[in-house]
Structures are given as structure tokens and as C-alpha cells.
Amino acid sequence: MSVPTPSGRLYETDLRLRPDGAGGLLVSSIEGFAGYQRERAWAWEHQALVRARAIAGAESVMQTFEHTRAQTLCLPRNADKVVADVRQMRQRMRAELDRSGPGRFDLKHGEGGLVDLEFALQAAVLAHAARFPALARPRSSGELIDALSTVGIWDSVCAEGAHQAHGCLLARSLECTLDCRPRVLPLTDELARSRQQVRAAT
């Protein structure tokens, strides 16, 4: 997966993120994966499942993964604990990765940025999918926003604001990526409005 190509590594992989961390097996059985998710996984690992998808392999294994993912996301959880765990992880990440400064905004890691919106969506899925299993189906941010609105977790004003903020922040982020610029921009009125819309959803 990490074979070098003329454009860089094929895929950047972090093997510390496998079940049981750096000391765990490189490859585990689907049964072992399911048991780990059910019994030992951390909250952030369940957050990762919200966006996870099977992309290659035997059809039966991919279907089993999808079933395991849905079952895990729909486990009953204490909503207050979910929010507390996700907020703690987000604060740790921001302290390490946020490059915002006076008058400048980190589109991804800044307060009210893309990661804040992603974490809010993931927390909502983990807190409410037991009651609303339909929340376990979507993966993209737009679909997740729509799903939360459909089941009544987010009202239409919150959902519309989240859509607008996501569109703005993602567009500016992609522009920076295409221009090979850091994703830290002057805090314009547009970006300030997007930050406020994300904050309203979190």
C-alpha cells in the first residue's frame, strides 16, 4: 500500500491505528475485528467507522464488514458520554494541530473548521443511531447532515447552516490544496460566517 510512485507513496498508512494499536496484529479476522469494535474499541475508533467503507476484497468479507460497521454504530450509548469523549478528543487534536493565529483561520483544524463539523456529525451518529438506524448508512458529510435533519436531530436552520459552512470551507480547502498552499487563510467575513455556522451545529 505504501509503494513509492513518481508522485509519492501510493497510500500513506499509519499502522498504529489498527486494532490494539502498534502492538496489535497487522491483519485480524473479521470475527476478531467485530469483537474488538464491540468490546474494546475507543470512542474515536467508532467515530472512524462513520466514514469507513470496504473498498476491496471478497464480496462476502465486504458484506460482513458493512454488517459489523452498522451493528457497531447502532450500539446503545450514553449521549452525554459520547459528547464528552468526542469533545475531549477534539480539544487534544486542536491543541496539537490548529495553526490559526491572529486574523488567520486554519480551515481544517481551527475552531469552527472542517474537523469540528466532522466530529459533530460523528458524535450525533454515535449518540442517536441506536434509535435511528438510518443514521448508520450515510458516509459523506452532506448525506450525514441530511440524515440528521430527516430524523429531527438537527432542525432545518442548523442543517442548512452546516451545508453552507461545509461547502465554503471545503471549497477554500481544495483551492489551497490545488495551489499547494497551507490551509490557513485570512479570516474573511465569509469564513467567519462559516465558523459561526459550524459552532451552531456543535
N, C-alpha and C. Protein backbone atom coordinates (compact mmCIF):
# COMPACT_ATOMS: atom_id res chain seq x y z
N MET A 1 0.82 -1.21 0.00
CA MET A 1 0.00 0.00 0.00
C MET A 1 0.85 1.26 0.00
N SER A 2 2.04 1.19 0.56
CA SER A 2 2.87 2.38 0.64
C SER A 2 3.99 2.38 -0.40
N VAL A 3 3.81 1.62 -1.50
CA VAL A 3 4.84 1.56 -2.54
C VAL A 3 5.10 2.97 -3.09
N PRO A 4 6.38 3.33 -3.29
CA PRO A 4 6.67 4.66 -3.83
C PRO A 4 6.34 4.75 -5.32
N THR A 5 5.79 5.87 -5.72
CA THR A 5 5.49 6.13 -7.13
C THR A 5 6.12 7.48 -7.49
N PRO A 6 6.14 7.84 -8.78
CA PRO A 6 6.70 9.15 -9.15
C PRO A 6 6.01 10.32 -8.45
N SER A 7 4.77 10.12 -8.01
CA SER A 7 4.04 11.18 -7.33
C SER A 7 4.06 11.05 -5.81
N GLY A 8 4.84 10.11 -5.30
CA GLY A 8 4.88 9.87 -3.86
C GLY A 8 4.35 8.50 -3.52
N ARG A 9 4.13 8.23 -2.24
CA ARG A 9 3.61 6.94 -1.83
C ARG A 9 2.20 6.73 -2.35
N LEU A 10 1.88 5.48 -2.68
CA LEU A 10 0.55 5.17 -3.19
C LEU A 10 -0.50 5.53 -2.17
N TYR A 11 -0.34 5.04 -0.94
CA TYR A 11 -1.23 5.40 0.18
C TYR A 11 -0.37 5.61 1.42
N GLU A 12 -0.62 6.71 2.11
CA GLU A 12 0.02 6.92 3.41
C GLU A 12 -0.75 6.08 4.43
N THR A 13 -0.08 5.19 5.11
CA THR A 13 -0.74 4.34 6.09
C THR A 13 -0.10 4.54 7.46
N ASP A 14 -0.91 4.46 8.48
CA ASP A 14 -0.43 4.57 9.85
C ASP A 14 -0.84 3.29 10.57
N LEU A 15 0.09 2.36 10.69
CA LEU A 15 -0.22 1.06 11.26
C LEU A 15 -0.50 1.11 12.76
N ARG A 16 -0.23 2.27 13.38
CA ARG A 16 -0.58 2.41 14.80
C ARG A 16 -2.09 2.44 15.00
N LEU A 17 -2.83 2.69 13.92
CA LEU A 17 -4.29 2.84 14.03
C LEU A 17 -5.03 1.52 13.89
N ARG A 18 -4.31 0.40 13.80
CA ARG A 18 -5.01 -0.88 13.71
C ARG A 18 -5.52 -1.29 15.09
N PRO A 19 -6.45 -2.26 15.14
CA PRO A 19 -6.95 -2.71 16.45
C PRO A 19 -5.82 -3.08 17.40
N ASP A 20 -5.94 -2.62 18.63
CA ASP A 20 -4.95 -2.82 19.69
C ASP A 20 -3.66 -2.04 19.45
N GLY A 21 -3.67 -1.10 18.51
CA GLY A 21 -2.55 -0.19 18.34
C GLY A 21 -1.31 -0.84 17.77
N ALA A 22 -0.16 -0.21 18.05
CA ALA A 22 1.10 -0.66 17.47
C ALA A 22 1.47 -2.08 17.88
N GLY A 23 0.92 -2.56 19.00
CA GLY A 23 1.23 -3.91 19.46
C GLY A 23 0.29 -4.96 18.92
N GLY A 24 -0.71 -4.55 18.15
CA GLY A 24 -1.70 -5.49 17.65
C GLY A 24 -1.24 -6.20 16.39
N LEU A 25 -2.04 -7.18 15.98
CA LEU A 25 -1.73 -7.91 14.75
C LEU A 25 -1.90 -7.01 13.55
N LEU A 26 -1.07 -7.24 12.51
CA LEU A 26 -1.17 -6.46 11.29
C LEU A 26 -2.48 -6.76 10.58
N VAL A 27 -2.89 -8.02 10.62
CA VAL A 27 -4.15 -8.44 9.99
C VAL A 27 -4.94 -9.24 11.02
N SER A 28 -6.25 -8.98 11.10
CA SER A 28 -7.08 -9.74 12.03
C SER A 28 -8.27 -10.33 11.28
N SER A 29 -8.86 -11.34 11.86
CA SER A 29 -10.04 -11.94 11.25
C SER A 29 -11.22 -10.99 11.39
N ILE A 30 -12.22 -11.18 10.56
CA ILE A 30 -13.41 -10.32 10.65
C ILE A 30 -14.11 -10.53 11.99
N GLU A 31 -14.03 -11.76 12.52
CA GLU A 31 -14.63 -12.02 13.83
C GLU A 31 -13.86 -11.27 14.92
N GLY A 32 -12.53 -11.27 14.80
CA GLY A 32 -11.71 -10.54 15.76
C GLY A 32 -11.97 -9.04 15.69
N PHE A 33 -12.14 -8.53 14.47
CA PHE A 33 -12.43 -7.12 14.28
C PHE A 33 -13.77 -6.76 14.92
N ALA A 34 -14.78 -7.60 14.69
CA ALA A 34 -16.11 -7.35 15.26
C ALA A 34 -16.06 -7.36 16.78
N GLY A 35 -15.36 -8.34 17.35
CA GLY A 35 -15.25 -8.41 18.80
C GLY A 35 -14.52 -7.21 19.37
N TYR A 36 -13.48 -6.77 18.70
CA TYR A 36 -12.74 -5.59 19.15
C TYR A 36 -13.64 -4.36 19.15
N GLN A 37 -14.37 -4.16 18.07
CA GLN A 37 -15.25 -3.00 17.98
C GLN A 37 -16.34 -3.03 19.05
N ARG A 38 -16.82 -4.21 19.34
CA ARG A 38 -17.92 -4.37 20.29
C ARG A 38 -17.44 -4.21 21.74
N GLU A 39 -16.21 -4.64 22.03
CA GLU A 39 -15.79 -4.77 23.42
C GLU A 39 -14.65 -3.85 23.86
N ARG A 40 -13.75 -3.47 22.94
CA ARG A 40 -12.54 -2.78 23.39
C ARG A 40 -12.24 -1.48 22.67
N ALA A 41 -12.93 -1.18 21.60
CA ALA A 41 -12.58 -0.01 20.80
C ALA A 41 -12.84 1.29 21.56
N TRP A 42 -12.03 2.29 21.29
CA TRP A 42 -12.19 3.62 21.87
C TRP A 42 -13.26 4.38 21.09
N ALA A 43 -13.72 5.47 21.68
CA ALA A 43 -14.75 6.28 21.02
C ALA A 43 -14.28 6.79 19.66
N TRP A 44 -13.01 7.21 19.56
CA TRP A 44 -12.54 7.75 18.28
C TRP A 44 -12.50 6.67 17.21
N GLU A 45 -12.35 5.40 17.62
CA GLU A 45 -12.37 4.32 16.63
C GLU A 45 -13.79 4.10 16.10
N HIS A 46 -14.77 4.29 16.95
CA HIS A 46 -16.16 4.23 16.48
C HIS A 46 -16.47 5.45 15.61
N GLN A 47 -15.87 6.61 15.95
CA GLN A 47 -16.02 7.77 15.07
C GLN A 47 -15.52 7.45 13.66
N ALA A 48 -14.38 6.79 13.59
CA ALA A 48 -13.80 6.46 12.28
C ALA A 48 -14.71 5.56 11.47
N LEU A 49 -15.49 4.72 12.14
CA LEU A 49 -16.40 3.83 11.42
C LEU A 49 -17.50 4.59 10.69
N VAL A 50 -17.82 5.80 11.15
CA VAL A 50 -18.88 6.56 10.48
C VAL A 50 -18.53 6.78 9.02
N ARG A 51 -17.25 7.04 8.72
CA ARG A 51 -16.84 7.29 7.34
C ARG A 51 -16.26 6.05 6.66
N ALA A 52 -16.06 4.97 7.41
CA ALA A 52 -15.36 3.79 6.88
C ALA A 52 -16.21 3.06 5.83
N ARG A 53 -15.51 2.50 4.85
CA ARG A 53 -16.19 1.68 3.85
C ARG A 53 -15.23 0.60 3.37
N ALA A 54 -15.80 -0.52 2.97
CA ALA A 54 -15.00 -1.59 2.37
C ALA A 54 -14.77 -1.25 0.91
N ILE A 55 -13.51 -1.31 0.45
CA ILE A 55 -13.21 -0.91 -0.93
C ILE A 55 -12.65 -2.04 -1.78
N ALA A 56 -12.24 -3.14 -1.17
CA ALA A 56 -11.67 -4.24 -1.96
C ALA A 56 -11.76 -5.52 -1.14
N GLY A 57 -11.78 -6.64 -1.86
CA GLY A 57 -11.79 -7.93 -1.19
C GLY A 57 -12.97 -8.78 -1.63
N ALA A 58 -13.06 -9.96 -1.05
CA ALA A 58 -14.16 -10.86 -1.37
C ALA A 58 -15.49 -10.22 -0.99
N GLU A 59 -16.49 -10.42 -1.81
CA GLU A 59 -17.79 -9.82 -1.57
C GLU A 59 -18.34 -10.20 -0.20
N SER A 60 -18.14 -11.44 0.20
CA SER A 60 -18.66 -11.89 1.49
C SER A 60 -18.00 -11.15 2.64
N VAL A 61 -16.68 -10.90 2.52
CA VAL A 61 -15.97 -10.17 3.57
C VAL A 61 -16.43 -8.71 3.62
N MET A 62 -16.62 -8.11 2.44
CA MET A 62 -17.07 -6.73 2.40
C MET A 62 -18.47 -6.59 3.00
N GLN A 63 -19.34 -7.55 2.73
CA GLN A 63 -20.69 -7.51 3.30
C GLN A 63 -20.65 -7.69 4.81
N THR A 64 -19.76 -8.58 5.28
CA THR A 64 -19.63 -8.79 6.71
C THR A 64 -19.11 -7.53 7.40
N PHE A 65 -18.16 -6.87 6.75
CA PHE A 65 -17.66 -5.60 7.30
C PHE A 65 -18.80 -4.59 7.42
N GLU A 66 -19.60 -4.46 6.37
CA GLU A 66 -20.70 -3.49 6.39
C GLU A 66 -21.68 -3.82 7.51
N HIS A 67 -21.95 -5.11 7.71
CA HIS A 67 -22.86 -5.52 8.78
C HIS A 67 -22.26 -5.18 10.15
N THR A 68 -20.96 -5.46 10.32
CA THR A 68 -20.28 -5.17 11.58
C THR A 68 -20.27 -3.68 11.84
N ARG A 69 -19.99 -2.90 10.81
CA ARG A 69 -19.99 -1.44 10.95
C ARG A 69 -21.35 -0.93 11.42
N ALA A 70 -22.41 -1.37 10.75
CA ALA A 70 -23.76 -0.91 11.10
C ALA A 70 -24.13 -1.33 12.53
N GLN A 71 -23.82 -2.57 12.87
CA GLN A 71 -24.13 -3.05 14.23
C GLN A 71 -23.39 -2.22 15.28
N THR A 72 -22.13 -1.91 15.01
CA THR A 72 -21.32 -1.16 15.97
C THR A 72 -21.84 0.25 16.13
N LEU A 73 -22.16 0.91 15.02
CA LEU A 73 -22.65 2.28 15.10
C LEU A 73 -23.99 2.36 15.82
N CYS A 74 -24.78 1.29 15.74
CA CYS A 74 -26.12 1.30 16.35
C CYS A 74 -26.14 0.78 17.78
N LEU A 75 -24.98 0.54 18.37
CA LEU A 75 -24.96 0.12 19.78
C LEU A 75 -25.55 1.22 20.66
N PRO A 76 -26.31 0.86 21.68
CA PRO A 76 -26.82 1.88 22.61
C PRO A 76 -25.66 2.56 23.35
N ARG A 77 -25.71 3.88 23.42
CA ARG A 77 -24.66 4.64 24.07
C ARG A 77 -25.29 5.76 24.91
N ASN A 78 -24.55 6.16 25.92
CA ASN A 78 -24.95 7.33 26.71
C ASN A 78 -24.56 8.57 25.94
N ALA A 79 -25.54 9.37 25.53
CA ALA A 79 -25.27 10.52 24.66
C ALA A 79 -24.33 11.52 25.32
N ASP A 80 -24.48 11.75 26.63
CA ASP A 80 -23.61 12.70 27.32
C ASP A 80 -22.16 12.24 27.31
N LYS A 81 -21.96 10.92 27.47
CA LYS A 81 -20.59 10.39 27.46
C LYS A 81 -20.00 10.48 26.06
N VAL A 82 -20.81 10.20 25.04
CA VAL A 82 -20.33 10.34 23.66
C VAL A 82 -19.84 11.76 23.42
N VAL A 83 -20.66 12.74 23.78
CA VAL A 83 -20.30 14.14 23.57
C VAL A 83 -19.03 14.50 24.33
N ALA A 84 -18.93 14.03 25.57
CA ALA A 84 -17.75 14.34 26.39
C ALA A 84 -16.49 13.71 25.78
N ASP A 85 -16.59 12.46 25.35
CA ASP A 85 -15.43 11.77 24.75
C ASP A 85 -14.99 12.45 23.46
N VAL A 86 -15.95 12.79 22.61
CA VAL A 86 -15.63 13.41 21.33
C VAL A 86 -15.05 14.81 21.55
N ARG A 87 -15.62 15.55 22.48
CA ARG A 87 -15.10 16.90 22.77
C ARG A 87 -13.67 16.83 23.30
N GLN A 88 -13.40 15.85 24.16
CA GLN A 88 -12.04 15.72 24.71
C GLN A 88 -11.04 15.40 23.60
N MET A 89 -11.40 14.48 22.71
CA MET A 89 -10.51 14.14 21.61
C MET A 89 -10.29 15.36 20.70
N ARG A 90 -11.35 16.10 20.44
CA ARG A 90 -11.24 17.27 19.57
C ARG A 90 -10.34 18.32 20.19
N GLN A 91 -10.46 18.55 21.48
CA GLN A 91 -9.62 19.54 22.14
C GLN A 91 -8.14 19.14 22.09
N ARG A 92 -7.87 17.85 22.25
CA ARG A 92 -6.49 17.37 22.16
C ARG A 92 -5.94 17.59 20.76
N MET A 93 -6.74 17.25 19.75
CA MET A 93 -6.29 17.44 18.37
C MET A 93 -6.04 18.91 18.06
N ARG A 94 -6.98 19.76 18.49
CA ARG A 94 -6.83 21.19 18.18
C ARG A 94 -5.57 21.75 18.83
N ALA A 95 -5.30 21.35 20.06
CA ALA A 95 -4.11 21.84 20.76
C ALA A 95 -2.84 21.47 20.01
N GLU A 96 -2.84 20.33 19.33
CA GLU A 96 -1.64 19.86 18.63
C GLU A 96 -1.57 20.35 17.19
N LEU A 97 -2.72 20.54 16.53
CA LEU A 97 -2.71 20.72 15.08
C LEU A 97 -3.21 22.07 14.58
N ASP A 98 -3.93 22.83 15.40
CA ASP A 98 -4.51 24.09 14.95
C ASP A 98 -3.40 25.12 14.70
N ARG A 99 -3.34 25.63 13.47
CA ARG A 99 -2.33 26.63 13.10
C ARG A 99 -2.94 28.03 12.95
N SER A 100 -4.13 28.22 13.48
CA SER A 100 -4.75 29.54 13.43
C SER A 100 -3.91 30.54 14.23
N GLY A 101 -4.03 31.82 13.85
CA GLY A 101 -3.34 32.88 14.56
C GLY A 101 -4.19 34.14 14.49
N PRO A 102 -3.70 35.26 15.00
CA PRO A 102 -4.47 36.50 14.95
C PRO A 102 -4.88 36.84 13.51
N GLY A 103 -6.18 36.87 13.28
CA GLY A 103 -6.69 37.22 11.96
C GLY A 103 -6.55 36.15 10.92
N ARG A 104 -6.10 34.96 11.31
CA ARG A 104 -5.92 33.87 10.36
C ARG A 104 -6.61 32.61 10.88
N PHE A 105 -7.16 31.83 9.96
CA PHE A 105 -8.01 30.71 10.33
C PHE A 105 -7.54 29.43 9.65
N ASP A 106 -7.30 28.40 10.45
CA ASP A 106 -6.97 27.07 9.94
C ASP A 106 -8.27 26.40 9.51
N LEU A 107 -8.45 26.24 8.19
CA LEU A 107 -9.71 25.73 7.65
C LEU A 107 -10.06 24.34 8.17
N LYS A 108 -9.06 23.54 8.42
CA LYS A 108 -9.31 22.16 8.84
C LYS A 108 -9.39 22.04 10.36
N HIS A 109 -8.37 22.51 11.04
CA HIS A 109 -8.26 22.23 12.48
C HIS A 109 -8.65 23.38 13.38
N GLY A 110 -8.91 24.55 12.82
CA GLY A 110 -9.29 25.69 13.64
C GLY A 110 -10.66 25.50 14.28
N GLU A 111 -10.92 26.26 15.34
CA GLU A 111 -12.23 26.20 15.98
C GLU A 111 -13.30 26.65 14.99
N GLY A 112 -14.29 25.81 14.75
CA GLY A 112 -15.31 26.10 13.75
C GLY A 112 -14.90 25.67 12.35
N GLY A 113 -13.88 24.83 12.25
CA GLY A 113 -13.39 24.36 10.96
C GLY A 113 -13.98 23.02 10.56
N LEU A 114 -13.41 22.44 9.51
CA LEU A 114 -13.94 21.21 8.94
C LEU A 114 -13.95 20.05 9.93
N VAL A 115 -12.90 19.92 10.72
CA VAL A 115 -12.85 18.79 11.66
C VAL A 115 -13.89 18.95 12.76
N ASP A 116 -14.14 20.17 13.19
CA ASP A 116 -15.20 20.38 14.18
C ASP A 116 -16.54 19.90 13.64
N LEU A 117 -16.82 20.21 12.37
CA LEU A 117 -18.08 19.78 11.77
C LEU A 117 -18.12 18.26 11.66
N GLU A 118 -17.01 17.65 11.22
CA GLU A 118 -16.97 16.19 11.11
C GLU A 118 -17.20 15.53 12.47
N PHE A 119 -16.56 16.05 13.50
CA PHE A 119 -16.72 15.46 14.83
C PHE A 119 -18.15 15.62 15.33
N ALA A 120 -18.78 16.75 15.02
CA ALA A 120 -20.18 16.94 15.43
C ALA A 120 -21.08 15.92 14.75
N LEU A 121 -20.85 15.68 13.48
CA LEU A 121 -21.64 14.69 12.75
C LEU A 121 -21.42 13.29 13.32
N GLN A 122 -20.16 12.94 13.57
CA GLN A 122 -19.86 11.62 14.10
C GLN A 122 -20.45 11.42 15.49
N ALA A 123 -20.35 12.44 16.33
CA ALA A 123 -20.93 12.34 17.68
C ALA A 123 -22.43 12.13 17.61
N ALA A 124 -23.09 12.83 16.69
CA ALA A 124 -24.54 12.69 16.56
C ALA A 124 -24.92 11.28 16.12
N VAL A 125 -24.15 10.71 15.21
CA VAL A 125 -24.44 9.34 14.77
C VAL A 125 -24.27 8.37 15.93
N LEU A 126 -23.15 8.48 16.65
CA LEU A 126 -22.91 7.54 17.75
C LEU A 126 -23.94 7.69 18.86
N ALA A 127 -24.39 8.90 19.10
CA ALA A 127 -25.34 9.14 20.19
C ALA A 127 -26.76 8.70 19.84
N HIS A 128 -27.11 8.71 18.54
CA HIS A 128 -28.52 8.53 18.18
C HIS A 128 -28.81 7.36 17.22
N ALA A 129 -27.79 6.69 16.71
CA ALA A 129 -28.06 5.63 15.73
C ALA A 129 -28.80 4.44 16.32
N ALA A 130 -28.70 4.23 17.63
CA ALA A 130 -29.46 3.13 18.24
C ALA A 130 -30.96 3.36 18.07
N ARG A 131 -31.38 4.63 18.17
CA ARG A 131 -32.81 4.96 17.98
C ARG A 131 -33.16 5.16 16.51
N PHE A 132 -32.17 5.62 15.72
CA PHE A 132 -32.42 5.91 14.31
C PHE A 132 -31.37 5.20 13.46
N PRO A 133 -31.56 3.90 13.19
CA PRO A 133 -30.56 3.12 12.45
C PRO A 133 -30.22 3.69 11.07
N ALA A 134 -31.11 4.50 10.50
CA ALA A 134 -30.83 5.10 9.20
C ALA A 134 -29.58 5.98 9.25
N LEU A 135 -29.21 6.46 10.44
CA LEU A 135 -28.03 7.30 10.57
C LEU A 135 -26.74 6.52 10.29
N ALA A 136 -26.80 5.20 10.35
CA ALA A 136 -25.60 4.39 10.13
C ALA A 136 -25.30 4.20 8.64
N ARG A 137 -26.20 4.60 7.76
CA ARG A 137 -25.99 4.35 6.33
C ARG A 137 -25.11 5.37 5.62
N PRO A 138 -25.37 6.68 5.78
CA PRO A 138 -24.59 7.65 5.00
C PRO A 138 -23.15 7.75 5.47
N ARG A 139 -22.28 8.19 4.55
CA ARG A 139 -20.87 8.40 4.88
C ARG A 139 -20.43 9.84 4.69
N SER A 140 -20.86 10.47 3.62
CA SER A 140 -20.38 11.81 3.31
C SER A 140 -21.00 12.84 4.25
N SER A 141 -20.32 13.95 4.40
CA SER A 141 -20.81 14.99 5.31
C SER A 141 -22.19 15.49 4.90
N GLY A 142 -22.37 15.73 3.61
CA GLY A 142 -23.66 16.22 3.14
C GLY A 142 -24.79 15.25 3.43
N GLU A 143 -24.54 13.97 3.19
CA GLU A 143 -25.57 12.97 3.46
C GLU A 143 -25.85 12.84 4.95
N LEU A 144 -24.81 12.97 5.77
CA LEU A 144 -24.99 12.88 7.21
C LEU A 144 -25.80 14.07 7.73
N ILE A 145 -25.53 15.25 7.21
CA ILE A 145 -26.31 16.43 7.60
C ILE A 145 -27.78 16.21 7.26
N ASP A 146 -28.04 15.73 6.05
CA ASP A 146 -29.42 15.48 5.62
C ASP A 146 -30.09 14.43 6.50
N ALA A 147 -29.35 13.37 6.83
CA ALA A 147 -29.92 12.30 7.65
C ALA A 147 -30.28 12.80 9.04
N LEU A 148 -29.43 13.62 9.63
CA LEU A 148 -29.71 14.16 10.96
C LEU A 148 -30.92 15.09 10.92
N SER A 149 -31.07 15.81 9.83
CA SER A 149 -32.24 16.67 9.68
C SER A 149 -33.51 15.85 9.49
N THR A 150 -33.41 14.80 8.70
CA THR A 150 -34.58 13.96 8.40
C THR A 150 -35.17 13.33 9.65
N VAL A 151 -34.30 12.86 10.56
CA VAL A 151 -34.81 12.20 11.77
C VAL A 151 -35.09 13.19 12.89
N GLY A 152 -34.80 14.48 12.67
CA GLY A 152 -35.15 15.51 13.64
C GLY A 152 -34.10 15.82 14.69
N ILE A 153 -32.90 15.29 14.53
CA ILE A 153 -31.82 15.60 15.48
C ILE A 153 -31.36 17.04 15.28
N TRP A 154 -31.21 17.47 14.03
CA TRP A 154 -30.88 18.85 13.70
C TRP A 154 -32.09 19.48 13.03
N ASP A 155 -32.41 20.71 13.38
CA ASP A 155 -33.51 21.38 12.70
C ASP A 155 -33.03 21.91 11.35
N SER A 156 -33.96 22.42 10.56
CA SER A 156 -33.64 22.82 9.19
C SER A 156 -32.65 23.99 9.15
N VAL A 157 -32.74 24.88 10.12
CA VAL A 157 -31.82 26.02 10.15
C VAL A 157 -30.39 25.55 10.41
N CYS A 158 -30.24 24.66 11.38
CA CYS A 158 -28.92 24.11 11.71
C CYS A 158 -28.35 23.33 10.52
N ALA A 159 -29.20 22.50 9.89
CA ALA A 159 -28.75 21.69 8.76
C ALA A 159 -28.34 22.56 7.58
N GLU A 160 -29.13 23.59 7.27
CA GLU A 160 -28.79 24.47 6.16
C GLU A 160 -27.49 25.22 6.43
N GLY A 161 -27.33 25.69 7.66
CA GLY A 161 -26.08 26.36 8.02
C GLY A 161 -24.89 25.43 7.91
N ALA A 162 -25.06 24.18 8.34
CA ALA A 162 -23.97 23.21 8.24
C ALA A 162 -23.62 22.93 6.79
N HIS A 163 -24.63 22.81 5.93
CA HIS A 163 -24.37 22.61 4.50
C HIS A 163 -23.58 23.79 3.92
N GLN A 164 -24.01 25.00 4.24
CA GLN A 164 -23.33 26.18 3.71
C GLN A 164 -21.89 26.25 4.19
N ALA A 165 -21.69 26.01 5.49
CA ALA A 165 -20.35 26.08 6.05
C ALA A 165 -19.45 25.00 5.44
N HIS A 166 -19.99 23.79 5.32
CA HIS A 166 -19.19 22.71 4.75
C HIS A 166 -18.79 23.03 3.31
N GLY A 167 -19.73 23.54 2.53
CA GLY A 167 -19.42 23.88 1.15
C GLY A 167 -18.35 24.94 1.04
N CYS A 168 -18.46 25.98 1.85
CA CYS A 168 -17.48 27.06 1.83
C CYS A 168 -16.10 26.59 2.28
N LEU A 169 -16.04 25.93 3.44
CA LEU A 169 -14.75 25.50 3.99
C LEU A 169 -14.07 24.47 3.09
N LEU A 170 -14.86 23.56 2.53
CA LEU A 170 -14.28 22.55 1.66
C LEU A 170 -13.75 23.17 0.38
N ALA A 171 -14.49 24.10 -0.20
CA ALA A 171 -14.04 24.76 -1.43
C ALA A 171 -12.74 25.51 -1.20
N ARG A 172 -12.66 26.27 -0.10
CA ARG A 172 -11.42 27.01 0.18
C ARG A 172 -10.26 26.06 0.46
N SER A 173 -10.56 24.97 1.14
CA SER A 173 -9.52 23.98 1.44
C SER A 173 -8.98 23.34 0.16
N LEU A 174 -9.88 22.99 -0.76
CA LEU A 174 -9.44 22.38 -2.02
C LEU A 174 -8.64 23.37 -2.86
N GLU A 175 -9.02 24.64 -2.83
CA GLU A 175 -8.24 25.66 -3.54
C GLU A 175 -6.81 25.70 -3.02
N CYS A 176 -6.67 25.65 -1.70
CA CYS A 176 -5.33 25.65 -1.10
C CYS A 176 -4.55 24.42 -1.51
N THR A 177 -5.22 23.27 -1.51
CA THR A 177 -4.54 22.03 -1.88
C THR A 177 -4.06 22.09 -3.33
N LEU A 178 -4.92 22.57 -4.23
CA LEU A 178 -4.55 22.65 -5.65
C LEU A 178 -3.40 23.63 -5.87
N ASP A 179 -3.36 24.69 -5.07
CA ASP A 179 -2.28 25.68 -5.20
C ASP A 179 -1.07 25.36 -4.35
N CYS A 180 -1.11 24.22 -3.65
CA CYS A 180 -0.02 23.81 -2.76
C CYS A 180 0.25 24.87 -1.68
N ARG A 181 -0.85 25.46 -1.16
CA ARG A 181 -0.74 26.45 -0.10
C ARG A 181 -1.20 25.85 1.22
N PRO A 182 -0.69 26.32 2.34
CA PRO A 182 -1.23 25.88 3.63
C PRO A 182 -2.71 26.26 3.73
N ARG A 183 -3.47 25.43 4.44
CA ARG A 183 -4.91 25.70 4.59
C ARG A 183 -5.16 26.65 5.77
N VAL A 184 -4.42 27.74 5.79
CA VAL A 184 -4.58 28.79 6.80
C VAL A 184 -4.76 30.10 6.05
N LEU A 185 -5.95 30.70 6.18
CA LEU A 185 -6.30 31.88 5.39
C LEU A 185 -6.68 33.05 6.28
N PRO A 186 -6.60 34.27 5.72
CA PRO A 186 -7.13 35.43 6.47
C PRO A 186 -8.59 35.20 6.81
N LEU A 187 -8.98 35.62 8.00
CA LEU A 187 -10.35 35.38 8.47
C LEU A 187 -11.29 36.41 7.84
N THR A 188 -11.79 36.10 6.66
CA THR A 188 -12.72 36.98 5.96
C THR A 188 -14.11 36.88 6.58
N ASP A 189 -15.00 37.77 6.15
CA ASP A 189 -16.39 37.71 6.63
C ASP A 189 -17.02 36.36 6.27
N GLU A 190 -16.72 35.86 5.06
CA GLU A 190 -17.27 34.58 4.63
C GLU A 190 -16.83 33.45 5.56
N LEU A 191 -15.54 33.43 5.88
CA LEU A 191 -15.04 32.37 6.75
C LEU A 191 -15.55 32.53 8.18
N ALA A 192 -15.66 33.77 8.63
CA ALA A 192 -16.21 34.00 9.98
C ALA A 192 -17.64 33.50 10.06
N ARG A 193 -18.42 33.72 9.01
CA ARG A 193 -19.81 33.23 8.99
C ARG A 193 -19.83 31.70 9.00
N SER A 194 -18.94 31.08 8.24
CA SER A 194 -18.89 29.62 8.22
C SER A 194 -18.51 29.07 9.59
N ARG A 195 -17.55 29.70 10.25
CA ARG A 195 -17.17 29.28 11.60
C ARG A 195 -18.35 29.33 12.53
N GLN A 196 -19.13 30.39 12.45
CA GLN A 196 -20.28 30.54 13.32
C GLN A 196 -21.33 29.47 13.04
N GLN A 197 -21.52 29.13 11.75
CA GLN A 197 -22.48 28.08 11.38
C GLN A 197 -22.04 26.73 11.91
N VAL A 198 -20.74 26.45 11.87
CA VAL A 198 -20.24 25.19 12.43
C VAL A 198 -20.43 25.18 13.94
N ARG A 199 -20.13 26.28 14.59
CA ARG A 199 -20.30 26.35 16.04
C ARG A 199 -21.74 26.10 16.44
N ALA A 200 -22.67 26.60 15.64
CA ALA A 200 -24.09 26.40 15.93
C ALA A 200 -24.47 24.93 15.86
N ALA A 201 -23.75 24.16 15.05
CA ALA A 201 -24.04 22.72 14.91
C ALA A 201 -23.33 21.89 15.96
N THR A 202 -22.37 22.48 16.65
CA THR A 202 -21.60 21.70 17.61
C THR A 202 -22.01 22.04 19.04
